[in-house]
């Protein structure tokens, strides 16, 4: 009968060594596609969140007050500001047929039959809409109330944010009479007398900014790349910080939402709006984004159309 014998220690060591070599070779082949898959998933996630951020910007910029876009950059980032639009209405001028009202809602001089018109040759603080009745909202303060931007295309952009006599922004003061086909609206401060250049460009348009939004800013902040190849920048949306006549950073009390992080590049381009210069009827805002994660970078760019027509 043959004698039975087991493995020697040397044979077991040799087998274990060969197995380890084969396993390490196989792991190398498997690791490459796994790493590629992980990178692909990360890049797909970055593309998805970037696309959603761009869609939000696109949605916001489709409904804004014409001529309200402002931009500036500093060492901390790039900032795109605008006035969101709740609705647009039309006022009568002194050359129009007077609105058919039985009562004198707007205070006018004796014998003046043009009730409800806005007259920019003298200070005025009341107008009648001639397109449809509208709901105007009054908040706890002037800034939290709906804002009337009157003749946005007739003045430089900064004056759209200005509620003094020099500007064309006026808070709704809560006094309104709704008629079957129009509203009578009082603003808190009389409108200034416009110069002849502005009077030549009147459109009889009033743009209403929602008081719960106020001015809105998209901000690219802290843009850069850290030692691990990760982007350090963010894209945030700020709102409800009031109205600043010269464009400045949103105040500390502003509401904000984080749209993107890991940004290594973020920039805006808008060339159609220059204070005092004619506007293109339809302009574009260019947006360039680069997101970096673990040394890998993806780039996205978009051109968002902006309607500057009254």
C-alpha atoms as a PDB file:
ATOM      1  CA  UNK A   1       0.000   0.000   0.000  1.00  0.00           C
ATOM      2  CA  UNK A   2       1.485   3.366  -1.040  1.00  0.00           C
ATOM      3  CA  UNK A   3       2.603   5.583   1.786  1.00  0.00           C
ATOM      4  CA  UNK A   4       0.444   8.804   2.247  1.00  0.00           C
ATOM      5  CA  UNK A   5       2.238  12.104   2.723  1.00  0.00           C
ATOM      6  CA  UNK A   6       1.179  15.770   3.054  1.00  0.00           C
ATOM      7  CA  UNK A   7       2.634  19.039   1.837  1.00  0.00           C
ATOM      8  CA  UNK A   8       5.934  20.136   3.133  1.00  0.00           C
ATOM      9  CA  UNK A   9       6.315  23.605   4.607  1.00  0.00           C
ATOM     10  CA  UNK A  10       8.422  24.677   1.640  1.00  0.00           C
ATOM     11  CA  UNK A  11       5.739  23.563  -0.809  1.00  0.00           C
ATOM     12  CA  UNK A  12       3.058  25.489   1.099  1.00  0.00           C
ATOM     13  CA  UNK A  13       5.186  28.635   1.126  1.00  0.00           C
ATOM     14  CA  UNK A  14       5.825  28.325  -2.613  1.00  0.00           C
ATOM     15  CA  UNK A  15       2.102  27.895  -3.325  1.00  0.00           C
ATOM     16  CA  UNK A  16       1.208  30.892  -1.156  1.00  0.00           C
ATOM     17  CA  UNK A  17       3.848  33.009  -2.880  1.00  0.00           C
ATOM     18  CA  UNK A  18       2.614  32.073  -6.344  1.00  0.00           C
ATOM     19  CA  UNK A  19      -1.007  32.757  -5.299  1.00  0.00           C
ATOM     20  CA  UNK A  20      -0.047  36.188  -3.939  1.00  0.00           C
ATOM     21  CA  UNK A  21       1.750  37.053  -7.162  1.00  0.00           C
ATOM     22  CA  UNK A  22      -1.224  36.010  -9.273  1.00  0.00           C
ATOM     23  CA  UNK A  23      -3.643  37.930  -7.007  1.00  0.00           C
ATOM     24  CA  UNK A  24      -1.579  41.114  -7.159  1.00  0.00           C
ATOM     25  CA  UNK A  25      -1.423  40.877 -10.946  1.00  0.00           C
ATOM     26  CA  UNK A  26      -5.187  40.388 -11.162  1.00  0.00           C
ATOM     27  CA  UNK A  27      -5.885  43.229  -8.710  1.00  0.00           C
ATOM     28  CA  UNK A  28      -3.878  45.597 -10.896  1.00  0.00           C
ATOM     29  CA  UNK A  29      -6.044  44.751 -13.888  1.00  0.00           C
ATOM     30  CA  UNK A  30      -9.244  45.185 -11.846  1.00  0.00           C
ATOM     31  CA  UNK A  31      -8.186  48.404 -10.097  1.00  0.00           C
ATOM     32  CA  UNK A  32      -7.837  50.437 -13.303  1.00  0.00           C
ATOM     33  CA  UNK A  33     -11.437  49.984 -14.528  1.00  0.00           C
ATOM     34  CA  UNK A  34     -12.770  50.477 -10.977  1.00  0.00           C
ATOM     35  CA  UNK A  35     -10.872  53.756 -10.625  1.00  0.00           C
ATOM     36  CA  UNK A  36     -12.091  54.843 -14.062  1.00  0.00           C
ATOM     37  CA  UNK A  37     -15.658  54.011 -13.043  1.00  0.00           C
ATOM     38  CA  UNK A  38     -15.358  56.018  -9.797  1.00  0.00           C
ATOM     39  CA  UNK A  39     -13.941  59.013 -11.686  1.00  0.00           C
ATOM     40  CA  UNK A  40     -16.753  58.732 -14.210  1.00  0.00           C
ATOM     41  CA  UNK A  41     -19.361  58.730 -11.437  1.00  0.00           C
ATOM     42  CA  UNK A  42     -17.732  61.767  -9.784  1.00  0.00           C
ATOM     43  CA  UNK A  43     -17.575  63.674 -13.067  1.00  0.00           C
ATOM     44  CA  UNK A  44     -21.196  62.812 -13.884  1.00  0.00           C
ATOM     45  CA  UNK A  45     -22.199  64.147 -10.447  1.00  0.00           C
ATOM     46  CA  UNK A  46     -20.268  67.377 -11.008  1.00  0.00           C
ATOM     47  CA  UNK A  47     -21.854  67.845 -14.432  1.00  0.00           C
ATOM     48  CA  UNK A  48     -25.313  67.223 -12.983  1.00  0.00           C
ATOM     49  CA  UNK A  49     -25.038  69.791 -10.166  1.00  0.00           C
ATOM     50  CA  UNK A  50     -23.431  72.318 -12.547  1.00  0.00           C
ATOM     51  CA  UNK A  51     -26.264  71.893 -15.040  1.00  0.00           C
ATOM     52  CA  UNK A  52     -28.836  72.411 -12.292  1.00  0.00           C
ATOM     53  CA  UNK A  53     -27.083  75.609 -11.183  1.00  0.00           C
ATOM     54  CA  UNK A  54     -27.043  76.936 -14.754  1.00  0.00           C
ATOM     55  CA  UNK A  55     -30.726  76.045 -15.141  1.00  0.00           C
ATOM     56  CA  UNK A  56     -31.530  78.053 -12.002  1.00  0.00           C
ATOM     57  CA  UNK A  57     -29.632  81.064 -13.372  1.00  0.00           C
ATOM     58  CA  UNK A  58     -31.397  80.694 -16.716  1.00  0.00           C
ATOM     59  CA  UNK A  59     -34.774  80.545 -14.995  1.00  0.00           C
ATOM     60  CA  UNK A  60     -34.024  83.677 -12.935  1.00  0.00           C
ATOM     61  CA  UNK A  61     -32.704  85.697 -15.867  1.00  0.00           C
ATOM     62  CA  UNK A  62     -35.720  85.026 -18.069  1.00  0.00           C
ATOM     63  CA  UNK A  63     -37.820  87.340 -15.892  1.00  0.00           C
ATOM     64  CA  UNK A  64     -35.910  90.446 -14.854  1.00  0.00           C
ATOM     65  CA  UNK A  65     -36.348  94.196 -15.103  1.00  0.00           C
ATOM     66  CA  UNK A  66     -34.725  95.412 -18.357  1.00  0.00           C
ATOM     67  CA  UNK A  67     -31.488  97.371 -17.930  1.00  0.00           C
ATOM     68  CA  UNK A  68     -31.089  96.127 -14.327  1.00  0.00           C
ATOM     69  CA  UNK A  69     -28.057  93.851 -14.818  1.00  0.00           C
ATOM     70  CA  UNK A  70     -24.843  94.970 -13.095  1.00  0.00           C
ATOM     71  CA  UNK A  71     -21.504  93.211 -12.634  1.00  0.00           C
ATOM     72  CA  UNK A  72     -18.273  93.774 -10.793  1.00  0.00           C
ATOM     73  CA  UNK A  73     -15.227  91.762  -9.748  1.00  0.00           C
ATOM     74  CA  UNK A  74     -12.715  92.089  -6.942  1.00  0.00           C
ATOM     75  CA  UNK A  75     -10.046  89.933  -5.331  1.00  0.00           C
ATOM     76  CA  UNK A  76     -12.774  87.880  -3.652  1.00  0.00           C
ATOM     77  CA  UNK A  77     -14.754  86.947  -6.741  1.00  0.00           C
ATOM     78  CA  UNK A  78     -17.225  87.978  -9.453  1.00  0.00           C
ATOM     79  CA  UNK A  79     -20.762  89.245  -8.869  1.00  0.00           C
ATOM     80  CA  UNK A  80     -23.787  89.448 -11.187  1.00  0.00           C
ATOM     81  CA  UNK A  81     -26.745  91.477  -9.896  1.00  0.00           C
ATOM     82  CA  UNK A  82     -30.226  92.133 -11.290  1.00  0.00           C
ATOM     83  CA  UNK A  83     -33.793  93.041 -10.290  1.00  0.00           C
ATOM     84  CA  UNK A  84     -36.292  90.165 -10.529  1.00  0.00           C
ATOM     85  CA  UNK A  85     -39.640  90.932 -12.175  1.00  0.00           C
ATOM     86  CA  UNK A  86     -43.017  90.024 -10.684  1.00  0.00           C
ATOM     87  CA  UNK A  87     -45.049  91.661 -13.436  1.00  0.00           C
ATOM     88  CA  UNK A  88     -45.064  94.623 -15.810  1.00  0.00           C
ATOM     89  CA  UNK A  89     -47.813  97.183 -16.224  1.00  0.00           C
ATOM     90  CA  UNK A  90     -48.483 100.319 -18.257  1.00  0.00           C
ATOM     91  CA  UNK A  91     -49.384 103.845 -17.149  1.00  0.00           C
ATOM     92  CA  UNK A  92     -51.118 106.534 -19.239  1.00  0.00           C
ATOM     93  CA  UNK A  93     -49.270 109.625 -20.333  1.00  0.00           C
ATOM     94  CA  UNK A  94     -50.774 113.084 -20.644  1.00  0.00           C
ATOM     95  CA  UNK A  95     -51.156 112.430 -24.378  1.00  0.00           C
ATOM     96  CA  UNK A  96     -53.415 109.416 -23.828  1.00  0.00           C
ATOM     97  CA  UNK A  97     -57.171 109.338 -23.475  1.00  0.00           C
ATOM     98  CA  UNK A  98     -57.848 109.794 -19.775  1.00  0.00           C
ATOM     99  CA  UNK A  99     -58.769 106.603 -17.894  1.00  0.00           C
ATOM    100  CA  UNK A 100     -62.510 106.131 -17.466  1.00  0.00           C
ATOM    101  CA  UNK A 101     -62.785 106.713 -13.751  1.00  0.00           C
ATOM    102  CA  UNK A 102     -65.702 108.382 -12.005  1.00  0.00           C
ATOM    103  CA  UNK A 103     -63.619 109.403  -8.991  1.00  0.00           C
ATOM    104  CA  UNK A 104     -60.469 111.450  -8.759  1.00  0.00           C
ATOM    105  CA  UNK A 105     -58.204 108.745  -7.251  1.00  0.00           C
ATOM    106  CA  UNK A 106     -54.976 110.523  -8.141  1.00  0.00           C
ATOM    107  CA  UNK A 107     -54.650 114.072  -6.899  1.00  0.00           C
ATOM    108  CA  UNK A 108     -54.384 116.411  -9.878  1.00  0.00           C
ATOM    109  CA  UNK A 109     -54.501 120.134 -10.338  1.00  0.00           C
ATOM    110  CA  UNK A 110     -57.944 121.720 -10.808  1.00  0.00           C
ATOM    111  CA  UNK A 111     -59.208 121.345 -14.347  1.00  0.00           C
ATOM    112  CA  UNK A 112     -56.720 118.589 -15.219  1.00  0.00           C
ATOM    113  CA  UNK A 113     -58.693 115.904 -17.042  1.00  0.00           C
ATOM    114  CA  UNK A 114     -55.756 113.494 -17.377  1.00  0.00           C
ATOM    115  CA  UNK A 115     -56.481 111.587 -14.185  1.00  0.00           C
ATOM    116  CA  UNK A 116     -54.018 108.829 -13.360  1.00  0.00           C
ATOM    117  CA  UNK A 117     -51.337 109.848 -15.847  1.00  0.00           C
ATOM    118  CA  UNK A 118     -47.671 110.062 -14.895  1.00  0.00           C
ATOM    119  CA  UNK A 119     -46.277 113.443 -15.758  1.00  0.00           C
ATOM    120  CA  UNK A 120     -42.465 113.590 -15.731  1.00  0.00           C
ATOM    121  CA  UNK A 121     -42.409 117.317 -16.339  1.00  0.00           C
ATOM    122  CA  UNK A 122     -43.429 117.737 -12.707  1.00  0.00           C
ATOM    123  CA  UNK A 123     -43.218 115.584  -9.580  1.00  0.00           C
ATOM    124  CA  UNK A 124     -45.891 112.892  -9.484  1.00  0.00           C
ATOM    125  CA  UNK A 125     -46.671 110.105  -7.017  1.00  0.00           C
ATOM    126  CA  UNK A 126     -49.769 108.373  -8.386  1.00  0.00           C
ATOM    127  CA  UNK A 127     -50.699 106.523 -11.561  1.00  0.00           C
ATOM    128  CA  UNK A 128     -53.428 104.330 -13.011  1.00  0.00           C
ATOM    129  CA  UNK A 129     -52.629 101.090 -14.822  1.00  0.00           C
ATOM    130  CA  UNK A 130     -54.329 100.887 -18.209  1.00  0.00           C
ATOM    131  CA  UNK A 131     -53.692  97.252 -19.107  1.00  0.00           C
ATOM    132  CA  UNK A 132     -55.311  95.255 -16.275  1.00  0.00           C
ATOM    133  CA  UNK A 133     -55.894  95.296 -12.523  1.00  0.00           C
ATOM    134  CA  UNK A 134     -52.932  94.015 -10.508  1.00  0.00           C
ATOM    135  CA  UNK A 135     -52.274  92.950  -6.939  1.00  0.00           C
ATOM    136  CA  UNK A 136     -49.551  95.037  -5.287  1.00  0.00           C
ATOM    137  CA  UNK A 137     -48.088  93.797  -2.007  1.00  0.00           C
ATOM    138  CA  UNK A 138     -47.175  95.977   0.970  1.00  0.00           C
ATOM    139  CA  UNK A 139     -44.586  94.612   3.428  1.00  0.00           C
ATOM    140  CA  UNK A 140     -43.562  95.613   6.940  1.00  0.00           C
ATOM    141  CA  UNK A 141     -41.154  98.230   5.534  1.00  0.00           C
ATOM    142  CA  UNK A 142     -40.699 100.109   2.265  1.00  0.00           C
ATOM    143  CA  UNK A 143     -37.926  97.754   1.115  1.00  0.00           C
ATOM    144  CA  UNK A 144     -40.065  94.678   1.881  1.00  0.00           C
ATOM    145  CA  UNK A 145     -42.907  96.061  -0.234  1.00  0.00           C
ATOM    146  CA  UNK A 146     -43.291  95.666  -3.977  1.00  0.00           C
ATOM    147  CA  UNK A 147     -41.038  98.129  -5.803  1.00  0.00           C
ATOM    148  CA  UNK A 148     -42.138 100.140  -8.832  1.00  0.00           C
ATOM    149  CA  UNK A 149     -39.337 100.681 -11.385  1.00  0.00           C
ATOM    150  CA  UNK A 150     -40.645 103.394 -13.679  1.00  0.00           C
ATOM    151  CA  UNK A 151     -39.143 103.860 -17.150  1.00  0.00           C
ATOM    152  CA  UNK A 152     -36.232 101.458 -16.639  1.00  0.00           C
ATOM    153  CA  UNK A 153     -34.836 102.055 -20.128  1.00  0.00           C
ATOM    154  CA  UNK A 154     -34.711 105.845 -19.881  1.00  0.00           C
ATOM    155  CA  UNK A 155     -32.022 106.155 -17.204  1.00  0.00           C
ATOM    156  CA  UNK A 156     -28.626 104.665 -16.254  1.00  0.00           C
ATOM    157  CA  UNK A 157     -28.760 101.268 -14.536  1.00  0.00           C
ATOM    158  CA  UNK A 158     -27.796 102.487 -11.050  1.00  0.00           C
ATOM    159  CA  UNK A 159     -30.898 104.721 -10.924  1.00  0.00           C
ATOM    160  CA  UNK A 160     -33.142 101.631 -11.116  1.00  0.00           C
ATOM    161  CA  UNK A 161     -31.911 100.787  -7.597  1.00  0.00           C
ATOM    162  CA  UNK A 162     -32.315 104.370  -6.311  1.00  0.00           C
ATOM    163  CA  UNK A 163     -35.453 105.364  -4.364  1.00  0.00           C
ATOM    164  CA  UNK A 164     -34.436 109.002  -3.869  1.00  0.00           C
ATOM    165  CA  UNK A 165     -35.744 111.808  -6.052  1.00  0.00           C
ATOM    166  CA  UNK A 166     -32.846 111.159  -8.449  1.00  0.00           C
ATOM    167  CA  UNK A 167     -33.854 107.542  -9.120  1.00  0.00           C
ATOM    168  CA  UNK A 168     -36.837 105.678 -10.596  1.00  0.00           C
ATOM    169  CA  UNK A 169     -37.439 103.022  -7.899  1.00  0.00           C
ATOM    170  CA  UNK A 170     -40.461 103.621  -5.679  1.00  0.00           C
ATOM    171  CA  UNK A 171     -41.908 101.380  -2.961  1.00  0.00           C
ATOM    172  CA  UNK A 172     -45.623 100.664  -3.096  1.00  0.00           C
ATOM    173  CA  UNK A 173     -47.097 102.466  -0.076  1.00  0.00           C
ATOM    174  CA  UNK A 174     -50.224 100.373   0.389  1.00  0.00           C
ATOM    175  CA  UNK A 175     -52.795 102.744  -1.082  1.00  0.00           C
ATOM    176  CA  UNK A 176     -54.603 101.202  -4.041  1.00  0.00           C
ATOM    177  CA  UNK A 177     -58.087 101.201  -5.552  1.00  0.00           C
ATOM    178  CA  UNK A 178     -58.900  98.314  -7.863  1.00  0.00           C
ATOM    179  CA  UNK A 179     -61.234  99.115 -10.725  1.00  0.00           C
ATOM    180  CA  UNK A 180     -62.802  96.574 -13.105  1.00  0.00           C
ATOM    181  CA  UNK A 181     -60.035  96.965 -15.673  1.00  0.00           C
ATOM    182  CA  UNK A 182     -57.187  98.756 -13.893  1.00  0.00           C
ATOM    183  CA  UNK A 183     -55.510  99.597 -10.586  1.00  0.00           C
ATOM    184  CA  UNK A 184     -54.733 103.004  -9.114  1.00  0.00           C
ATOM    185  CA  UNK A 185     -51.335 102.941  -7.426  1.00  0.00           C
ATOM    186  CA  UNK A 186     -49.698 105.329  -5.001  1.00  0.00           C
ATOM    187  CA  UNK A 187     -45.925 105.260  -4.542  1.00  0.00           C
ATOM    188  CA  UNK A 188     -44.204 106.372  -1.368  1.00  0.00           C
ATOM    189  CA  UNK A 189     -42.120 109.197  -2.852  1.00  0.00           C
ATOM    190  CA  UNK A 190     -42.825 111.506  -5.744  1.00  0.00           C
ATOM    191  CA  UNK A 191     -41.091 110.663  -9.000  1.00  0.00           C
ATOM    192  CA  UNK A 192     -38.414 113.036 -10.170  1.00  0.00           C
ATOM    193  CA  UNK A 193     -38.653 115.274 -13.168  1.00  0.00           C
ATOM    194  CA  UNK A 194     -36.793 113.567 -16.040  1.00  0.00           C
ATOM    195  CA  UNK A 195     -34.481 115.424 -18.371  1.00  0.00           C
ATOM    196  CA  UNK A 196     -35.271 115.860 -22.065  1.00  0.00           C
ATOM    197  CA  UNK A 197     -33.044 112.948 -23.086  1.00  0.00           C
ATOM    198  CA  UNK A 198     -34.955 110.595 -20.792  1.00  0.00           C
ATOM    199  CA  UNK A 199     -38.315 112.031 -21.873  1.00  0.00           C
ATOM    200  CA  UNK A 200     -37.477 111.100 -25.464  1.00  0.00           C
ATOM    201  CA  UNK A 201     -37.196 107.411 -24.512  1.00  0.00           C
ATOM    202  CA  UNK A 202     -40.360 106.837 -22.491  1.00  0.00           C
ATOM    203  CA  UNK A 203     -42.124 103.486 -22.913  1.00  0.00           C
ATOM    204  CA  UNK A 204     -44.963 104.040 -20.362  1.00  0.00           C
ATOM    205  CA  UNK A 205     -43.778 100.890 -18.589  1.00  0.00           C
ATOM    206  CA  UNK A 206     -43.687 100.142 -14.870  1.00  0.00           C
ATOM    207  CA  UNK A 207     -41.819  97.052 -13.682  1.00  0.00           C
ATOM    208  CA  UNK A 208     -42.725  95.546 -10.311  1.00  0.00           C
ATOM    209  CA  UNK A 209     -39.976  93.922  -8.213  1.00  0.00           C
ATOM    210  CA  UNK A 210     -41.205  91.517  -5.484  1.00  0.00           C
ATOM    211  CA  UNK A 211     -40.452  92.845  -1.998  1.00  0.00           C
ATOM    212  CA  UNK A 212     -39.747  89.345  -0.674  1.00  0.00           C
ATOM    213  CA  UNK A 213     -36.877  89.004  -3.163  1.00  0.00           C
ATOM    214  CA  UNK A 214     -35.536  92.554  -3.638  1.00  0.00           C
ATOM    215  CA  UNK A 215     -32.275  92.673  -5.632  1.00  0.00           C
ATOM    216  CA  UNK A 216     -30.617  89.327  -6.452  1.00  0.00           C
ATOM    217  CA  UNK A 217     -26.884  88.557  -6.808  1.00  0.00           C
ATOM    218  CA  UNK A 218     -25.102  85.490  -8.156  1.00  0.00           C
ATOM    219  CA  UNK A 219     -21.641  85.423  -6.565  1.00  0.00           C
ATOM    220  CA  UNK A 220     -18.495  83.465  -7.508  1.00  0.00           C
ATOM    221  CA  UNK A 221     -16.401  83.522  -4.330  1.00  0.00           C
ATOM    222  CA  UNK A 222     -13.010  82.216  -3.107  1.00  0.00           C
ATOM    223  CA  UNK A 223     -12.066  80.795  -6.506  1.00  0.00           C
ATOM    224  CA  UNK A 224      -8.886  78.669  -6.554  1.00  0.00           C
ATOM    225  CA  UNK A 225      -7.426  75.163  -6.187  1.00  0.00           C
ATOM    226  CA  UNK A 226      -6.009  73.605  -3.004  1.00  0.00           C
ATOM    227  CA  UNK A 227      -2.958  71.344  -2.634  1.00  0.00           C
ATOM    228  CA  UNK A 228      -5.073  68.230  -3.275  1.00  0.00           C
ATOM    229  CA  UNK A 229      -6.362  69.458  -6.624  1.00  0.00           C
ATOM    230  CA  UNK A 230      -9.803  70.408  -5.281  1.00  0.00           C
ATOM    231  CA  UNK A 231     -11.526  73.638  -6.279  1.00  0.00           C
ATOM    232  CA  UNK A 232     -12.026  76.032  -3.363  1.00  0.00           C
ATOM    233  CA  UNK A 233     -14.644  78.343  -4.895  1.00  0.00           C
ATOM    234  CA  UNK A 234     -18.416  78.517  -4.540  1.00  0.00           C
ATOM    235  CA  UNK A 235     -21.346  79.851  -6.551  1.00  0.00           C
ATOM    236  CA  UNK A 236     -24.059  81.331  -4.322  1.00  0.00           C
ATOM    237  CA  UNK A 237     -27.364  83.075  -4.908  1.00  0.00           C
ATOM    238  CA  UNK A 238     -28.061  86.031  -2.560  1.00  0.00           C
ATOM    239  CA  UNK A 239     -31.387  87.824  -2.199  1.00  0.00           C
ATOM    240  CA  UNK A 240     -33.427  90.012   0.163  1.00  0.00           C
ATOM    241  CA  UNK A 241     -30.549  92.320   1.071  1.00  0.00           C
ATOM    242  CA  UNK A 242     -32.251  95.531  -0.036  1.00  0.00           C
ATOM    243  CA  UNK A 243     -31.168  97.827  -2.855  1.00  0.00           C
ATOM    244  CA  UNK A 244     -27.741  99.446  -3.204  1.00  0.00           C
ATOM    245  CA  UNK A 245     -27.320 102.371  -5.576  1.00  0.00           C
ATOM    246  CA  UNK A 246     -23.656 101.636  -6.348  1.00  0.00           C
ATOM    247  CA  UNK A 247     -23.237  97.877  -6.641  1.00  0.00           C
ATOM    248  CA  UNK A 248     -21.598  96.380  -3.548  1.00  0.00           C
ATOM    249  CA  UNK A 249     -21.331  92.947  -1.926  1.00  0.00           C
ATOM    250  CA  UNK A 250     -24.605  91.614  -0.468  1.00  0.00           C
ATOM    251  CA  UNK A 251     -24.897  92.497   3.206  1.00  0.00           C
ATOM    252  CA  UNK A 252     -24.348  89.994   6.012  1.00  0.00           C
ATOM    253  CA  UNK A 253     -28.107  89.778   6.597  1.00  0.00           C
ATOM    254  CA  UNK A 254     -28.866  88.589   3.063  1.00  0.00           C
ATOM    255  CA  UNK A 255     -30.529  85.251   2.442  1.00  0.00           C
ATOM    256  CA  UNK A 256     -28.366  82.858   0.408  1.00  0.00           C
ATOM    257  CA  UNK A 257     -28.264  79.394  -1.106  1.00  0.00           C
ATOM    258  CA  UNK A 258     -25.208  77.398  -2.165  1.00  0.00           C
ATOM    259  CA  UNK A 259     -25.520  76.261  -5.783  1.00  0.00           C
ATOM    260  CA  UNK A 260     -22.006  74.905  -6.463  1.00  0.00           C
ATOM    261  CA  UNK A 261     -18.745  74.220  -4.668  1.00  0.00           C
ATOM    262  CA  UNK A 262     -15.310  72.854  -5.734  1.00  0.00           C
ATOM    263  CA  UNK A 263     -15.067  75.691  -8.292  1.00  0.00           C
ATOM    264  CA  UNK A 264     -11.638  76.430  -9.731  1.00  0.00           C
ATOM    265  CA  UNK A 265     -12.978  78.924 -12.326  1.00  0.00           C
ATOM    266  CA  UNK A 266     -16.160  81.004 -12.341  1.00  0.00           C
ATOM    267  CA  UNK A 267     -16.831  84.097 -14.437  1.00  0.00           C
ATOM    268  CA  UNK A 268     -19.653  86.145 -15.974  1.00  0.00           C
ATOM    269  CA  UNK A 269     -19.662  88.243 -19.137  1.00  0.00           C
ATOM    270  CA  UNK A 270     -22.315  90.777 -20.115  1.00  0.00           C
ATOM    271  CA  UNK A 271     -21.322  93.397 -22.651  1.00  0.00           C
ATOM    272  CA  UNK A 272     -24.653  94.814 -23.811  1.00  0.00           C
ATOM    273  CA  UNK A 273     -25.416  96.983 -20.774  1.00  0.00           C
ATOM    274  CA  UNK A 274     -23.298 100.098 -20.243  1.00  0.00           C
ATOM    275  CA  UNK A 275     -24.678 102.936 -18.147  1.00  0.00           C
ATOM    276  CA  UNK A 276     -25.992 105.654 -20.402  1.00  0.00           C
ATOM    277  CA  UNK A 277     -25.493 103.640 -23.591  1.00  0.00           C
ATOM    278  CA  UNK A 278     -28.285 102.141 -25.730  1.00  0.00           C
ATOM    279  CA  UNK A 279     -29.200  98.552 -24.899  1.00  0.00           C
ATOM    280  CA  UNK A 280     -29.415  95.681 -27.326  1.00  0.00           C
ATOM    281  CA  UNK A 281     -33.019  94.408 -27.380  1.00  0.00           C
ATOM    282  CA  UNK A 282     -31.804  90.863 -26.736  1.00  0.00           C
ATOM    283  CA  UNK A 283     -28.414  90.373 -25.071  1.00  0.00           C
ATOM    284  CA  UNK A 284     -26.542  87.407 -23.629  1.00  0.00           C
ATOM    285  CA  UNK A 285     -24.843  86.621 -20.353  1.00  0.00           C
ATOM    286  CA  UNK A 286     -21.879  84.283 -20.691  1.00  0.00           C
ATOM    287  CA  UNK A 287     -21.142  81.930 -17.791  1.00  0.00           C
ATOM    288  CA  UNK A 288     -17.930  79.859 -17.539  1.00  0.00           C
ATOM    289  CA  UNK A 289     -17.537  77.246 -14.792  1.00  0.00           C
ATOM    290  CA  UNK A 290     -14.741  74.799 -13.978  1.00  0.00           C
ATOM    291  CA  UNK A 291     -15.068  72.298 -11.133  1.00  0.00           C
ATOM    292  CA  UNK A 292     -12.002  70.472  -9.826  1.00  0.00           C
ATOM    293  CA  UNK A 293     -12.007  67.367  -7.629  1.00  0.00           C
ATOM    294  CA  UNK A 294      -8.931  65.229  -6.823  1.00  0.00           C
ATOM    295  CA  UNK A 295      -7.033  66.835  -9.679  1.00  0.00           C
ATOM    296  CA  UNK A 296      -9.743  66.143 -12.256  1.00  0.00           C
ATOM    297  CA  UNK A 297     -11.469  69.161 -13.845  1.00  0.00           C
ATOM    298  CA  UNK A 298     -14.656  69.496 -15.845  1.00  0.00           C
ATOM    299  CA  UNK A 299     -15.633  72.662 -17.715  1.00  0.00           C
ATOM    300  CA  UNK A 300     -19.064  74.029 -18.588  1.00  0.00           C
ATOM    301  CA  UNK A 301     -20.088  77.175 -20.432  1.00  0.00           C
ATOM    302  CA  UNK A 302     -23.463  78.669 -21.221  1.00  0.00           C
ATOM    303  CA  UNK A 303     -24.877  81.699 -23.005  1.00  0.00           C
ATOM    304  CA  UNK A 304     -28.105  82.867 -21.350  1.00  0.00           C
ATOM    305  CA  UNK A 305     -30.325  85.197 -23.416  1.00  0.00           C
ATOM    306  CA  UNK A 306     -31.630  88.342 -21.698  1.00  0.00           C
ATOM    307  CA  UNK A 307     -34.617  90.255 -23.038  1.00  0.00           C
ATOM    308  CA  UNK A 308     -34.120  94.022 -22.719  1.00  0.00           C
ATOM    309  CA  UNK A 309     -37.258  94.979 -24.595  1.00  0.00           C
ATOM    310  CA  UNK A 310     -39.930  96.986 -22.743  1.00  0.00           C
END
